[in-house]
Structure formats: C-alpha cells, structure tokens
Amino acid sequence: SAMGWYRQAPGKQRELVARIIPGG
C-alpha cells in the first residue's frame, strides 16, 4: 500500500521525509 522515505541522522531519531499511497 503506502511507500515512503525516512531518514536518520547520527544521534537523532528516524523521521518521516515523505510518503505516497497508490492513488498518488
């Protein structure tokens, strides 16, 4: 279903960058 990108910098929590669902 949904796909997305997350990022994690040193010493920080993983955070959402962007998500996309099948409808766009």
PDBML (XML) file of the C-alpha atoms, coordinates in Angstrom:
<?xml version="1.0" encoding="UTF-8" ?>
<PDBx:datablock datablockName="MODEL"
   xmlns:PDBx="http://pdbml.pdb.org/schema/pdbx-v50.xsd"
   xmlns:xsi="http://www.w3.org/2001/XMLSchema-instance"
   xsi:schemaLocation="http://pdbml.pdb.org/schema/pdbx-v50.xsd pdbx-v50.xsd">
   <PDBx:atom_siteCategory>
      <PDBx:atom_site id="1">
         <PDBx:B_iso_or_equiv>0.00</PDBx:B_iso_or_equiv>
         <PDBx:Cartn_x>0.000</PDBx:Cartn_x>
         <PDBx:Cartn_y>0.000</PDBx:Cartn_y>
         <PDBx:Cartn_z>0.000</PDBx:Cartn_z>
         <PDBx:auth_asym_id>A</PDBx:auth_asym_id>
         <PDBx:auth_atom_id>CA</PDBx:auth_atom_id>
         <PDBx:auth_comp_id>SER</PDBx:auth_comp_id>
         <PDBx:auth_seq_id>1</PDBx:auth_seq_id>
         <PDBx:group_PDB>ATOM</PDBx:group_PDB>
         <PDBx:label_alt_id xsi:nil="true" />
         <PDBx:label_asym_id>A</PDBx:label_asym_id>
         <PDBx:label_atom_id>CA</PDBx:label_atom_id>
         <PDBx:label_comp_id>SER</PDBx:label_comp_id>
         <PDBx:label_entity_id>1</PDBx:label_entity_id>
         <PDBx:label_seq_id>1</PDBx:label_seq_id>
         <PDBx:occupancy>1.00</PDBx:occupancy>
         <PDBx:pdbx_PDB_model_num>1</PDBx:pdbx_PDB_model_num>
         <PDBx:type_symbol>C</PDBx:type_symbol>
      </PDBx:atom_site>
      <PDBx:atom_site id="2">
         <PDBx:B_iso_or_equiv>0.00</PDBx:B_iso_or_equiv>
         <PDBx:Cartn_x>1.868</PDBx:Cartn_x>
         <PDBx:Cartn_y>3.094</PDBx:Cartn_y>
         <PDBx:Cartn_z>1.144</PDBx:Cartn_z>
         <PDBx:auth_asym_id>A</PDBx:auth_asym_id>
         <PDBx:auth_atom_id>CA</PDBx:auth_atom_id>
         <PDBx:auth_comp_id>ALA</PDBx:auth_comp_id>
         <PDBx:auth_seq_id>2</PDBx:auth_seq_id>
         <PDBx:group_PDB>ATOM</PDBx:group_PDB>
         <PDBx:label_alt_id xsi:nil="true" />
         <PDBx:label_asym_id>A</PDBx:label_asym_id>
         <PDBx:label_atom_id>CA</PDBx:label_atom_id>
         <PDBx:label_comp_id>ALA</PDBx:label_comp_id>
         <PDBx:label_entity_id>1</PDBx:label_entity_id>
         <PDBx:label_seq_id>2</PDBx:label_seq_id>
         <PDBx:occupancy>1.00</PDBx:occupancy>
         <PDBx:pdbx_PDB_model_num>1</PDBx:pdbx_PDB_model_num>
         <PDBx:type_symbol>C</PDBx:type_symbol>
      </PDBx:atom_site>
      <PDBx:atom_site id="3">
         <PDBx:B_iso_or_equiv>0.00</PDBx:B_iso_or_equiv>
         <PDBx:Cartn_x>5.570</PDBx:Cartn_x>
         <PDBx:Cartn_y>3.598</PDBx:Cartn_y>
         <PDBx:Cartn_z>0.482</PDBx:Cartn_z>
         <PDBx:auth_asym_id>A</PDBx:auth_asym_id>
         <PDBx:auth_atom_id>CA</PDBx:auth_atom_id>
         <PDBx:auth_comp_id>MET</PDBx:auth_comp_id>
         <PDBx:auth_seq_id>3</PDBx:auth_seq_id>
         <PDBx:group_PDB>ATOM</PDBx:group_PDB>
         <PDBx:label_alt_id xsi:nil="true" />
         <PDBx:label_asym_id>A</PDBx:label_asym_id>
         <PDBx:label_atom_id>CA</PDBx:label_atom_id>
         <PDBx:label_comp_id>MET</PDBx:label_comp_id>
         <PDBx:label_entity_id>1</PDBx:label_entity_id>
         <PDBx:label_seq_id>3</PDBx:label_seq_id>
         <PDBx:occupancy>1.00</PDBx:occupancy>
         <PDBx:pdbx_PDB_model_num>1</PDBx:pdbx_PDB_model_num>
         <PDBx:type_symbol>C</PDBx:type_symbol>
      </PDBx:atom_site>
      <PDBx:atom_site id="4">
         <PDBx:B_iso_or_equiv>0.00</PDBx:B_iso_or_equiv>
         <PDBx:Cartn_x>7.775</PDBx:Cartn_x>
         <PDBx:Cartn_y>6.229</PDBx:Cartn_y>
         <PDBx:Cartn_z>1.944</PDBx:Cartn_z>
         <PDBx:auth_asym_id>A</PDBx:auth_asym_id>
         <PDBx:auth_atom_id>CA</PDBx:auth_atom_id>
         <PDBx:auth_comp_id>GLY</PDBx:auth_comp_id>
         <PDBx:auth_seq_id>4</PDBx:auth_seq_id>
         <PDBx:group_PDB>ATOM</PDBx:group_PDB>
         <PDBx:label_alt_id xsi:nil="true" />
         <PDBx:label_asym_id>A</PDBx:label_asym_id>
         <PDBx:label_atom_id>CA</PDBx:label_atom_id>
         <PDBx:label_comp_id>GLY</PDBx:label_comp_id>
         <PDBx:label_entity_id>1</PDBx:label_entity_id>
         <PDBx:label_seq_id>4</PDBx:label_seq_id>
         <PDBx:occupancy>1.00</PDBx:occupancy>
         <PDBx:pdbx_PDB_model_num>1</PDBx:pdbx_PDB_model_num>
         <PDBx:type_symbol>C</PDBx:type_symbol>
      </PDBx:atom_site>
      <PDBx:atom_site id="5">
         <PDBx:B_iso_or_equiv>0.00</PDBx:B_iso_or_equiv>
         <PDBx:Cartn_x>11.142</PDBx:Cartn_x>
         <PDBx:Cartn_y>7.667</PDBx:Cartn_y>
         <PDBx:Cartn_z>2.774</PDBx:Cartn_z>
         <PDBx:auth_asym_id>A</PDBx:auth_asym_id>
         <PDBx:auth_atom_id>CA</PDBx:auth_atom_id>
         <PDBx:auth_comp_id>TRP</PDBx:auth_comp_id>
         <PDBx:auth_seq_id>5</PDBx:auth_seq_id>
         <PDBx:group_PDB>ATOM</PDBx:group_PDB>
         <PDBx:label_alt_id xsi:nil="true" />
         <PDBx:label_asym_id>A</PDBx:label_asym_id>
         <PDBx:label_atom_id>CA</PDBx:label_atom_id>
         <PDBx:label_comp_id>TRP</PDBx:label_comp_id>
         <PDBx:label_entity_id>1</PDBx:label_entity_id>
         <PDBx:label_seq_id>5</PDBx:label_seq_id>
         <PDBx:occupancy>1.00</PDBx:occupancy>
         <PDBx:pdbx_PDB_model_num>1</PDBx:pdbx_PDB_model_num>
         <PDBx:type_symbol>C</PDBx:type_symbol>
      </PDBx:atom_site>
      <PDBx:atom_site id="6">
         <PDBx:B_iso_or_equiv>0.00</PDBx:B_iso_or_equiv>
         <PDBx:Cartn_x>12.507</PDBx:Cartn_x>
         <PDBx:Cartn_y>8.226</PDBx:Cartn_y>
         <PDBx:Cartn_z>6.240</PDBx:Cartn_z>
         <PDBx:auth_asym_id>A</PDBx:auth_asym_id>
         <PDBx:auth_atom_id>CA</PDBx:auth_atom_id>
         <PDBx:auth_comp_id>TYR</PDBx:auth_comp_id>
         <PDBx:auth_seq_id>6</PDBx:auth_seq_id>
         <PDBx:group_PDB>ATOM</PDBx:group_PDB>
         <PDBx:label_alt_id xsi:nil="true" />
         <PDBx:label_asym_id>A</PDBx:label_asym_id>
         <PDBx:label_atom_id>CA</PDBx:label_atom_id>
         <PDBx:label_comp_id>TYR</PDBx:label_comp_id>
         <PDBx:label_entity_id>1</PDBx:label_entity_id>
         <PDBx:label_seq_id>6</PDBx:label_seq_id>
         <PDBx:occupancy>1.00</PDBx:occupancy>
         <PDBx:pdbx_PDB_model_num>1</PDBx:pdbx_PDB_model_num>
         <PDBx:type_symbol>C</PDBx:type_symbol>
      </PDBx:atom_site>
      <PDBx:atom_site id="7">
         <PDBx:B_iso_or_equiv>0.00</PDBx:B_iso_or_equiv>
         <PDBx:Cartn_x>15.884</PDBx:Cartn_x>
         <PDBx:Cartn_y>9.493</PDBx:Cartn_y>
         <PDBx:Cartn_z>7.384</PDBx:Cartn_z>
         <PDBx:auth_asym_id>A</PDBx:auth_asym_id>
         <PDBx:auth_atom_id>CA</PDBx:auth_atom_id>
         <PDBx:auth_comp_id>ARG</PDBx:auth_comp_id>
         <PDBx:auth_seq_id>7</PDBx:auth_seq_id>
         <PDBx:group_PDB>ATOM</PDBx:group_PDB>
         <PDBx:label_alt_id xsi:nil="true" />
         <PDBx:label_asym_id>A</PDBx:label_asym_id>
         <PDBx:label_atom_id>CA</PDBx:label_atom_id>
         <PDBx:label_comp_id>ARG</PDBx:label_comp_id>
         <PDBx:label_entity_id>1</PDBx:label_entity_id>
         <PDBx:label_seq_id>7</PDBx:label_seq_id>
         <PDBx:occupancy>1.00</PDBx:occupancy>
         <PDBx:pdbx_PDB_model_num>1</PDBx:pdbx_PDB_model_num>
         <PDBx:type_symbol>C</PDBx:type_symbol>
      </PDBx:atom_site>
      <PDBx:atom_site id="8">
         <PDBx:B_iso_or_equiv>0.00</PDBx:B_iso_or_equiv>
         <PDBx:Cartn_x>18.040</PDBx:Cartn_x>
         <PDBx:Cartn_y>9.183</PDBx:Cartn_y>
         <PDBx:Cartn_z>10.442</PDBx:Cartn_z>
         <PDBx:auth_asym_id>A</PDBx:auth_asym_id>
         <PDBx:auth_atom_id>CA</PDBx:auth_atom_id>
         <PDBx:auth_comp_id>GLN</PDBx:auth_comp_id>
         <PDBx:auth_seq_id>8</PDBx:auth_seq_id>
         <PDBx:group_PDB>ATOM</PDBx:group_PDB>
         <PDBx:label_alt_id xsi:nil="true" />
         <PDBx:label_asym_id>A</PDBx:label_asym_id>
         <PDBx:label_atom_id>CA</PDBx:label_atom_id>
         <PDBx:label_comp_id>GLN</PDBx:label_comp_id>
         <PDBx:label_entity_id>1</PDBx:label_entity_id>
         <PDBx:label_seq_id>8</PDBx:label_seq_id>
         <PDBx:occupancy>1.00</PDBx:occupancy>
         <PDBx:pdbx_PDB_model_num>1</PDBx:pdbx_PDB_model_num>
         <PDBx:type_symbol>C</PDBx:type_symbol>
      </PDBx:atom_site>
      <PDBx:atom_site id="9">
         <PDBx:B_iso_or_equiv>0.00</PDBx:B_iso_or_equiv>
         <PDBx:Cartn_x>20.902</PDBx:Cartn_x>
         <PDBx:Cartn_y>11.483</PDBx:Cartn_y>
         <PDBx:Cartn_z>11.287</PDBx:Cartn_z>
         <PDBx:auth_asym_id>A</PDBx:auth_asym_id>
         <PDBx:auth_atom_id>CA</PDBx:auth_atom_id>
         <PDBx:auth_comp_id>ALA</PDBx:auth_comp_id>
         <PDBx:auth_seq_id>9</PDBx:auth_seq_id>
         <PDBx:group_PDB>ATOM</PDBx:group_PDB>
         <PDBx:label_alt_id xsi:nil="true" />
         <PDBx:label_asym_id>A</PDBx:label_asym_id>
         <PDBx:label_atom_id>CA</PDBx:label_atom_id>
         <PDBx:label_comp_id>ALA</PDBx:label_comp_id>
         <PDBx:label_entity_id>1</PDBx:label_entity_id>
         <PDBx:label_seq_id>9</PDBx:label_seq_id>
         <PDBx:occupancy>1.00</PDBx:occupancy>
         <PDBx:pdbx_PDB_model_num>1</PDBx:pdbx_PDB_model_num>
         <PDBx:type_symbol>C</PDBx:type_symbol>
      </PDBx:atom_site>
      <PDBx:atom_site id="10">
         <PDBx:B_iso_or_equiv>0.00</PDBx:B_iso_or_equiv>
         <PDBx:Cartn_x>23.570</PDBx:Cartn_x>
         <PDBx:Cartn_y>10.483</PDBx:Cartn_y>
         <PDBx:Cartn_z>13.817</PDBx:Cartn_z>
         <PDBx:auth_asym_id>A</PDBx:auth_asym_id>
         <PDBx:auth_atom_id>CA</PDBx:auth_atom_id>
         <PDBx:auth_comp_id>PRO</PDBx:auth_comp_id>
         <PDBx:auth_seq_id>10</PDBx:auth_seq_id>
         <PDBx:group_PDB>ATOM</PDBx:group_PDB>
         <PDBx:label_alt_id xsi:nil="true" />
         <PDBx:label_asym_id>A</PDBx:label_asym_id>
         <PDBx:label_atom_id>CA</PDBx:label_atom_id>
         <PDBx:label_comp_id>PRO</PDBx:label_comp_id>
         <PDBx:label_entity_id>1</PDBx:label_entity_id>
         <PDBx:label_seq_id>10</PDBx:label_seq_id>
         <PDBx:occupancy>1.00</PDBx:occupancy>
         <PDBx:pdbx_PDB_model_num>1</PDBx:pdbx_PDB_model_num>
         <PDBx:type_symbol>C</PDBx:type_symbol>
      </PDBx:atom_site>
      <PDBx:atom_site id="11">
         <PDBx:B_iso_or_equiv>0.00</PDBx:B_iso_or_equiv>
         <PDBx:Cartn_x>22.258</PDBx:Cartn_x>
         <PDBx:Cartn_y>10.795</PDBx:Cartn_y>
         <PDBx:Cartn_z>17.347</PDBx:Cartn_z>
         <PDBx:auth_asym_id>A</PDBx:auth_asym_id>
         <PDBx:auth_atom_id>CA</PDBx:auth_atom_id>
         <PDBx:auth_comp_id>GLY</PDBx:auth_comp_id>
         <PDBx:auth_seq_id>11</PDBx:auth_seq_id>
         <PDBx:group_PDB>ATOM</PDBx:group_PDB>
         <PDBx:label_alt_id xsi:nil="true" />
         <PDBx:label_asym_id>A</PDBx:label_asym_id>
         <PDBx:label_atom_id>CA</PDBx:label_atom_id>
         <PDBx:label_comp_id>GLY</PDBx:label_comp_id>
         <PDBx:label_entity_id>1</PDBx:label_entity_id>
         <PDBx:label_seq_id>11</PDBx:label_seq_id>
         <PDBx:occupancy>1.00</PDBx:occupancy>
         <PDBx:pdbx_PDB_model_num>1</PDBx:pdbx_PDB_model_num>
         <PDBx:type_symbol>C</PDBx:type_symbol>
      </PDBx:atom_site>
      <PDBx:atom_site id="12">
         <PDBx:B_iso_or_equiv>0.00</PDBx:B_iso_or_equiv>
         <PDBx:Cartn_x>18.731</PDBx:Cartn_x>
         <PDBx:Cartn_y>11.537</PDBx:Cartn_y>
         <PDBx:Cartn_z>16.191</PDBx:Cartn_z>
         <PDBx:auth_asym_id>A</PDBx:auth_asym_id>
         <PDBx:auth_atom_id>CA</PDBx:auth_atom_id>
         <PDBx:auth_comp_id>LYS</PDBx:auth_comp_id>
         <PDBx:auth_seq_id>12</PDBx:auth_seq_id>
         <PDBx:group_PDB>ATOM</PDBx:group_PDB>
         <PDBx:label_alt_id xsi:nil="true" />
         <PDBx:label_asym_id>A</PDBx:label_asym_id>
         <PDBx:label_atom_id>CA</PDBx:label_atom_id>
         <PDBx:label_comp_id>LYS</PDBx:label_comp_id>
         <PDBx:label_entity_id>1</PDBx:label_entity_id>
         <PDBx:label_seq_id>12</PDBx:label_seq_id>
         <PDBx:occupancy>1.00</PDBx:occupancy>
         <PDBx:pdbx_PDB_model_num>1</PDBx:pdbx_PDB_model_num>
         <PDBx:type_symbol>C</PDBx:type_symbol>
      </PDBx:atom_site>
      <PDBx:atom_site id="13">
         <PDBx:B_iso_or_equiv>0.00</PDBx:B_iso_or_equiv>
         <PDBx:Cartn_x>15.537</PDBx:Cartn_x>
         <PDBx:Cartn_y>9.564</PDBx:Cartn_y>
         <PDBx:Cartn_z>15.809</PDBx:Cartn_z>
         <PDBx:auth_asym_id>A</PDBx:auth_asym_id>
         <PDBx:auth_atom_id>CA</PDBx:auth_atom_id>
         <PDBx:auth_comp_id>GLN</PDBx:auth_comp_id>
         <PDBx:auth_seq_id>13</PDBx:auth_seq_id>
         <PDBx:group_PDB>ATOM</PDBx:group_PDB>
         <PDBx:label_alt_id xsi:nil="true" />
         <PDBx:label_asym_id>A</PDBx:label_asym_id>
         <PDBx:label_atom_id>CA</PDBx:label_atom_id>
         <PDBx:label_comp_id>GLN</PDBx:label_comp_id>
         <PDBx:label_entity_id>1</PDBx:label_entity_id>
         <PDBx:label_seq_id>13</PDBx:label_seq_id>
         <PDBx:occupancy>1.00</PDBx:occupancy>
         <PDBx:pdbx_PDB_model_num>1</PDBx:pdbx_PDB_model_num>
         <PDBx:type_symbol>C</PDBx:type_symbol>
      </PDBx:atom_site>
      <PDBx:atom_site id="14">
         <PDBx:B_iso_or_equiv>0.00</PDBx:B_iso_or_equiv>
         <PDBx:Cartn_x>14.352</PDBx:Cartn_x>
         <PDBx:Cartn_y>8.294</PDBx:Cartn_y>
         <PDBx:Cartn_z>12.463</PDBx:Cartn_z>
         <PDBx:auth_asym_id>A</PDBx:auth_asym_id>
         <PDBx:auth_atom_id>CA</PDBx:auth_atom_id>
         <PDBx:auth_comp_id>ARG</PDBx:auth_comp_id>
         <PDBx:auth_seq_id>14</PDBx:auth_seq_id>
         <PDBx:group_PDB>ATOM</PDBx:group_PDB>
         <PDBx:label_alt_id xsi:nil="true" />
         <PDBx:label_asym_id>A</PDBx:label_asym_id>
         <PDBx:label_atom_id>CA</PDBx:label_atom_id>
         <PDBx:label_comp_id>ARG</PDBx:label_comp_id>
         <PDBx:label_entity_id>1</PDBx:label_entity_id>
         <PDBx:label_seq_id>14</PDBx:label_seq_id>
         <PDBx:occupancy>1.00</PDBx:occupancy>
         <PDBx:pdbx_PDB_model_num>1</PDBx:pdbx_PDB_model_num>
         <PDBx:type_symbol>C</PDBx:type_symbol>
      </PDBx:atom_site>
      <PDBx:atom_site id="15">
         <PDBx:B_iso_or_equiv>0.00</PDBx:B_iso_or_equiv>
         <PDBx:Cartn_x>11.929</PDBx:Cartn_x>
         <PDBx:Cartn_y>10.800</PDBx:Cartn_y>
         <PDBx:Cartn_z>10.959</PDBx:Cartn_z>
         <PDBx:auth_asym_id>A</PDBx:auth_asym_id>
         <PDBx:auth_atom_id>CA</PDBx:auth_atom_id>
         <PDBx:auth_comp_id>GLU</PDBx:auth_comp_id>
         <PDBx:auth_seq_id>15</PDBx:auth_seq_id>
         <PDBx:group_PDB>ATOM</PDBx:group_PDB>
         <PDBx:label_alt_id xsi:nil="true" />
         <PDBx:label_asym_id>A</PDBx:label_asym_id>
         <PDBx:label_atom_id>CA</PDBx:label_atom_id>
         <PDBx:label_comp_id>GLU</PDBx:label_comp_id>
         <PDBx:label_entity_id>1</PDBx:label_entity_id>
         <PDBx:label_seq_id>15</PDBx:label_seq_id>
         <PDBx:occupancy>1.00</PDBx:occupancy>
         <PDBx:pdbx_PDB_model_num>1</PDBx:pdbx_PDB_model_num>
         <PDBx:type_symbol>C</PDBx:type_symbol>
      </PDBx:atom_site>
      <PDBx:atom_site id="16">
         <PDBx:B_iso_or_equiv>0.00</PDBx:B_iso_or_equiv>
         <PDBx:Cartn_x>9.442</PDBx:Cartn_x>
         <PDBx:Cartn_y>10.859</PDBx:Cartn_y>
         <PDBx:Cartn_z>8.124</PDBx:Cartn_z>
         <PDBx:auth_asym_id>A</PDBx:auth_asym_id>
         <PDBx:auth_atom_id>CA</PDBx:auth_atom_id>
         <PDBx:auth_comp_id>LEU</PDBx:auth_comp_id>
         <PDBx:auth_seq_id>16</PDBx:auth_seq_id>
         <PDBx:group_PDB>ATOM</PDBx:group_PDB>
         <PDBx:label_alt_id xsi:nil="true" />
         <PDBx:label_asym_id>A</PDBx:label_asym_id>
         <PDBx:label_atom_id>CA</PDBx:label_atom_id>
         <PDBx:label_comp_id>LEU</PDBx:label_comp_id>
         <PDBx:label_entity_id>1</PDBx:label_entity_id>
         <PDBx:label_seq_id>16</PDBx:label_seq_id>
         <PDBx:occupancy>1.00</PDBx:occupancy>
         <PDBx:pdbx_PDB_model_num>1</PDBx:pdbx_PDB_model_num>
         <PDBx:type_symbol>C</PDBx:type_symbol>
      </PDBx:atom_site>
      <PDBx:atom_site id="17">
         <PDBx:B_iso_or_equiv>0.00</PDBx:B_iso_or_equiv>
         <PDBx:Cartn_x>10.556</PDBx:Cartn_x>
         <PDBx:Cartn_y>12.541</PDBx:Cartn_y>
         <PDBx:Cartn_z>4.928</PDBx:Cartn_z>
         <PDBx:auth_asym_id>A</PDBx:auth_asym_id>
         <PDBx:auth_atom_id>CA</PDBx:auth_atom_id>
         <PDBx:auth_comp_id>VAL</PDBx:auth_comp_id>
         <PDBx:auth_seq_id>17</PDBx:auth_seq_id>
         <PDBx:group_PDB>ATOM</PDBx:group_PDB>
         <PDBx:label_alt_id xsi:nil="true" />
         <PDBx:label_asym_id>A</PDBx:label_asym_id>
         <PDBx:label_atom_id>CA</PDBx:label_atom_id>
         <PDBx:label_comp_id>VAL</PDBx:label_comp_id>
         <PDBx:label_entity_id>1</PDBx:label_entity_id>
         <PDBx:label_seq_id>17</PDBx:label_seq_id>
         <PDBx:occupancy>1.00</PDBx:occupancy>
         <PDBx:pdbx_PDB_model_num>1</PDBx:pdbx_PDB_model_num>
         <PDBx:type_symbol>C</PDBx:type_symbol>
      </PDBx:atom_site>
      <PDBx:atom_site id="18">
         <PDBx:B_iso_or_equiv>0.00</PDBx:B_iso_or_equiv>
         <PDBx:Cartn_x>7.661</PDBx:Cartn_x>
         <PDBx:Cartn_y>11.728</PDBx:Cartn_y>
         <PDBx:Cartn_z>2.593</PDBx:Cartn_z>
         <PDBx:auth_asym_id>A</PDBx:auth_asym_id>
         <PDBx:auth_atom_id>CA</PDBx:auth_atom_id>
         <PDBx:auth_comp_id>ALA</PDBx:auth_comp_id>
         <PDBx:auth_seq_id>18</PDBx:auth_seq_id>
         <PDBx:group_PDB>ATOM</PDBx:group_PDB>
         <PDBx:label_alt_id xsi:nil="true" />
         <PDBx:label_asym_id>A</PDBx:label_asym_id>
         <PDBx:label_atom_id>CA</PDBx:label_atom_id>
         <PDBx:label_comp_id>ALA</PDBx:label_comp_id>
         <PDBx:label_entity_id>1</PDBx:label_entity_id>
         <PDBx:label_seq_id>18</PDBx:label_seq_id>
         <PDBx:occupancy>1.00</PDBx:occupancy>
         <PDBx:pdbx_PDB_model_num>1</PDBx:pdbx_PDB_model_num>
         <PDBx:type_symbol>C</PDBx:type_symbol>
      </PDBx:atom_site>
      <PDBx:atom_site id="19">
         <PDBx:B_iso_or_equiv>0.00</PDBx:B_iso_or_equiv>
         <PDBx:Cartn_x>5.023</PDBx:Cartn_x>
         <PDBx:Cartn_y>9.076</PDBx:Cartn_y>
         <PDBx:Cartn_z>1.884</PDBx:Cartn_z>
         <PDBx:auth_asym_id>A</PDBx:auth_asym_id>
         <PDBx:auth_atom_id>CA</PDBx:auth_atom_id>
         <PDBx:auth_comp_id>ARG</PDBx:auth_comp_id>
         <PDBx:auth_seq_id>19</PDBx:auth_seq_id>
         <PDBx:group_PDB>ATOM</PDBx:group_PDB>
         <PDBx:label_alt_id xsi:nil="true" />
         <PDBx:label_asym_id>A</PDBx:label_asym_id>
         <PDBx:label_atom_id>CA</PDBx:label_atom_id>
         <PDBx:label_comp_id>ARG</PDBx:label_comp_id>
         <PDBx:label_entity_id>1</PDBx:label_entity_id>
         <PDBx:label_seq_id>19</PDBx:label_seq_id>
         <PDBx:occupancy>1.00</PDBx:occupancy>
         <PDBx:pdbx_PDB_model_num>1</PDBx:pdbx_PDB_model_num>
         <PDBx:type_symbol>C</PDBx:type_symbol>
      </PDBx:atom_site>
      <PDBx:atom_site id="20">
         <PDBx:B_iso_or_equiv>0.00</PDBx:B_iso_or_equiv>
         <PDBx:Cartn_x>2.968</PDBx:Cartn_x>
         <PDBx:Cartn_y>8.167</PDBx:Cartn_y>
         <PDBx:Cartn_z>-1.165</PDBx:Cartn_z>
         <PDBx:auth_asym_id>A</PDBx:auth_asym_id>
         <PDBx:auth_atom_id>CA</PDBx:auth_atom_id>
         <PDBx:auth_comp_id>ILE</PDBx:auth_comp_id>
         <PDBx:auth_seq_id>20</PDBx:auth_seq_id>
         <PDBx:group_PDB>ATOM</PDBx:group_PDB>
         <PDBx:label_alt_id xsi:nil="true" />
         <PDBx:label_asym_id>A</PDBx:label_asym_id>
         <PDBx:label_atom_id>CA</PDBx:label_atom_id>
         <PDBx:label_comp_id>ILE</PDBx:label_comp_id>
         <PDBx:label_entity_id>1</PDBx:label_entity_id>
         <PDBx:label_seq_id>20</PDBx:label_seq_id>
         <PDBx:occupancy>1.00</PDBx:occupancy>
         <PDBx:pdbx_PDB_model_num>1</PDBx:pdbx_PDB_model_num>
         <PDBx:type_symbol>C</PDBx:type_symbol>
      </PDBx:atom_site>
      <PDBx:atom_site id="21">
         <PDBx:B_iso_or_equiv>0.00</PDBx:B_iso_or_equiv>
         <PDBx:Cartn_x>-0.107</PDBx:Cartn_x>
         <PDBx:Cartn_y>5.947</PDBx:Cartn_y>
         <PDBx:Cartn_z>-1.470</PDBx:Cartn_z>
         <PDBx:auth_asym_id>A</PDBx:auth_asym_id>
         <PDBx:auth_atom_id>CA</PDBx:auth_atom_id>
         <PDBx:auth_comp_id>ILE</PDBx:auth_comp_id>
         <PDBx:auth_seq_id>21</PDBx:auth_seq_id>
         <PDBx:group_PDB>ATOM</PDBx:group_PDB>
         <PDBx:label_alt_id xsi:nil="true" />
         <PDBx:label_asym_id>A</PDBx:label_asym_id>
         <PDBx:label_atom_id>CA</PDBx:label_atom_id>
         <PDBx:label_comp_id>ILE</PDBx:label_comp_id>
         <PDBx:label_entity_id>1</PDBx:label_entity_id>
         <PDBx:label_seq_id>21</PDBx:label_seq_id>
         <PDBx:occupancy>1.00</PDBx:occupancy>
         <PDBx:pdbx_PDB_model_num>1</PDBx:pdbx_PDB_model_num>
         <PDBx:type_symbol>C</PDBx:type_symbol>
      </PDBx:atom_site>
      <PDBx:atom_site id="22">
         <PDBx:B_iso_or_equiv>0.00</PDBx:B_iso_or_equiv>
         <PDBx:Cartn_x>-1.348</PDBx:Cartn_x>
         <PDBx:Cartn_y>4.064</PDBx:Cartn_y>
         <PDBx:Cartn_z>-4.556</PDBx:Cartn_z>
         <PDBx:auth_asym_id>A</PDBx:auth_asym_id>
         <PDBx:auth_atom_id>CA</PDBx:auth_atom_id>
         <PDBx:auth_comp_id>PRO</PDBx:auth_comp_id>
         <PDBx:auth_seq_id>22</PDBx:auth_seq_id>
         <PDBx:group_PDB>ATOM</PDBx:group_PDB>
         <PDBx:label_alt_id xsi:nil="true" />
         <PDBx:label_asym_id>A</PDBx:label_asym_id>
         <PDBx:label_atom_id>CA</PDBx:label_atom_id>
         <PDBx:label_comp_id>PRO</PDBx:label_comp_id>
         <PDBx:label_entity_id>1</PDBx:label_entity_id>
         <PDBx:label_seq_id>22</PDBx:label_seq_id>
         <PDBx:occupancy>1.00</PDBx:occupancy>
         <PDBx:pdbx_PDB_model_num>1</PDBx:pdbx_PDB_model_num>
         <PDBx:type_symbol>C</PDBx:type_symbol>
      </PDBx:atom_site>
      <PDBx:atom_site id="23">
         <PDBx:B_iso_or_equiv>0.00</PDBx:B_iso_or_equiv>
         <PDBx:Cartn_x>-3.749</PDBx:Cartn_x>
         <PDBx:Cartn_y>6.839</PDBx:Cartn_y>
         <PDBx:Cartn_z>-5.572</PDBx:Cartn_z>
         <PDBx:auth_asym_id>A</PDBx:auth_asym_id>
         <PDBx:auth_atom_id>CA</PDBx:auth_atom_id>
         <PDBx:auth_comp_id>GLY</PDBx:auth_comp_id>
         <PDBx:auth_seq_id>23</PDBx:auth_seq_id>
         <PDBx:group_PDB>ATOM</PDBx:group_PDB>
         <PDBx:label_alt_id xsi:nil="true" />
         <PDBx:label_asym_id>A</PDBx:label_asym_id>
         <PDBx:label_atom_id>CA</PDBx:label_atom_id>
         <PDBx:label_comp_id>GLY</PDBx:label_comp_id>
         <PDBx:label_entity_id>1</PDBx:label_entity_id>
         <PDBx:label_seq_id>23</PDBx:label_seq_id>
         <PDBx:occupancy>1.00</PDBx:occupancy>
         <PDBx:pdbx_PDB_model_num>1</PDBx:pdbx_PDB_model_num>
         <PDBx:type_symbol>C</PDBx:type_symbol>
      </PDBx:atom_site>
      <PDBx:atom_site id="24">
         <PDBx:B_iso_or_equiv>0.00</PDBx:B_iso_or_equiv>
         <PDBx:Cartn_x>-0.817</PDBx:Cartn_x>
         <PDBx:Cartn_y>9.223</PDBx:Cartn_y>
         <PDBx:Cartn_z>-5.719</PDBx:Cartn_z>
         <PDBx:auth_asym_id>A</PDBx:auth_asym_id>
         <PDBx:auth_atom_id>CA</PDBx:auth_atom_id>
         <PDBx:auth_comp_id>GLY</PDBx:auth_comp_id>
         <PDBx:auth_seq_id>24</PDBx:auth_seq_id>
         <PDBx:group_PDB>ATOM</PDBx:group_PDB>
         <PDBx:label_alt_id xsi:nil="true" />
         <PDBx:label_asym_id>A</PDBx:label_asym_id>
         <PDBx:label_atom_id>CA</PDBx:label_atom_id>
         <PDBx:label_comp_id>GLY</PDBx:label_comp_id>
         <PDBx:label_entity_id>1</PDBx:label_entity_id>
         <PDBx:label_seq_id>24</PDBx:label_seq_id>
         <PDBx:occupancy>1.00</PDBx:occupancy>
         <PDBx:pdbx_PDB_model_num>1</PDBx:pdbx_PDB_model_num>
         <PDBx:type_symbol>C</PDBx:type_symbol>
      </PDBx:atom_site>
   </PDBx:atom_siteCategory>
</PDBx:datablock>
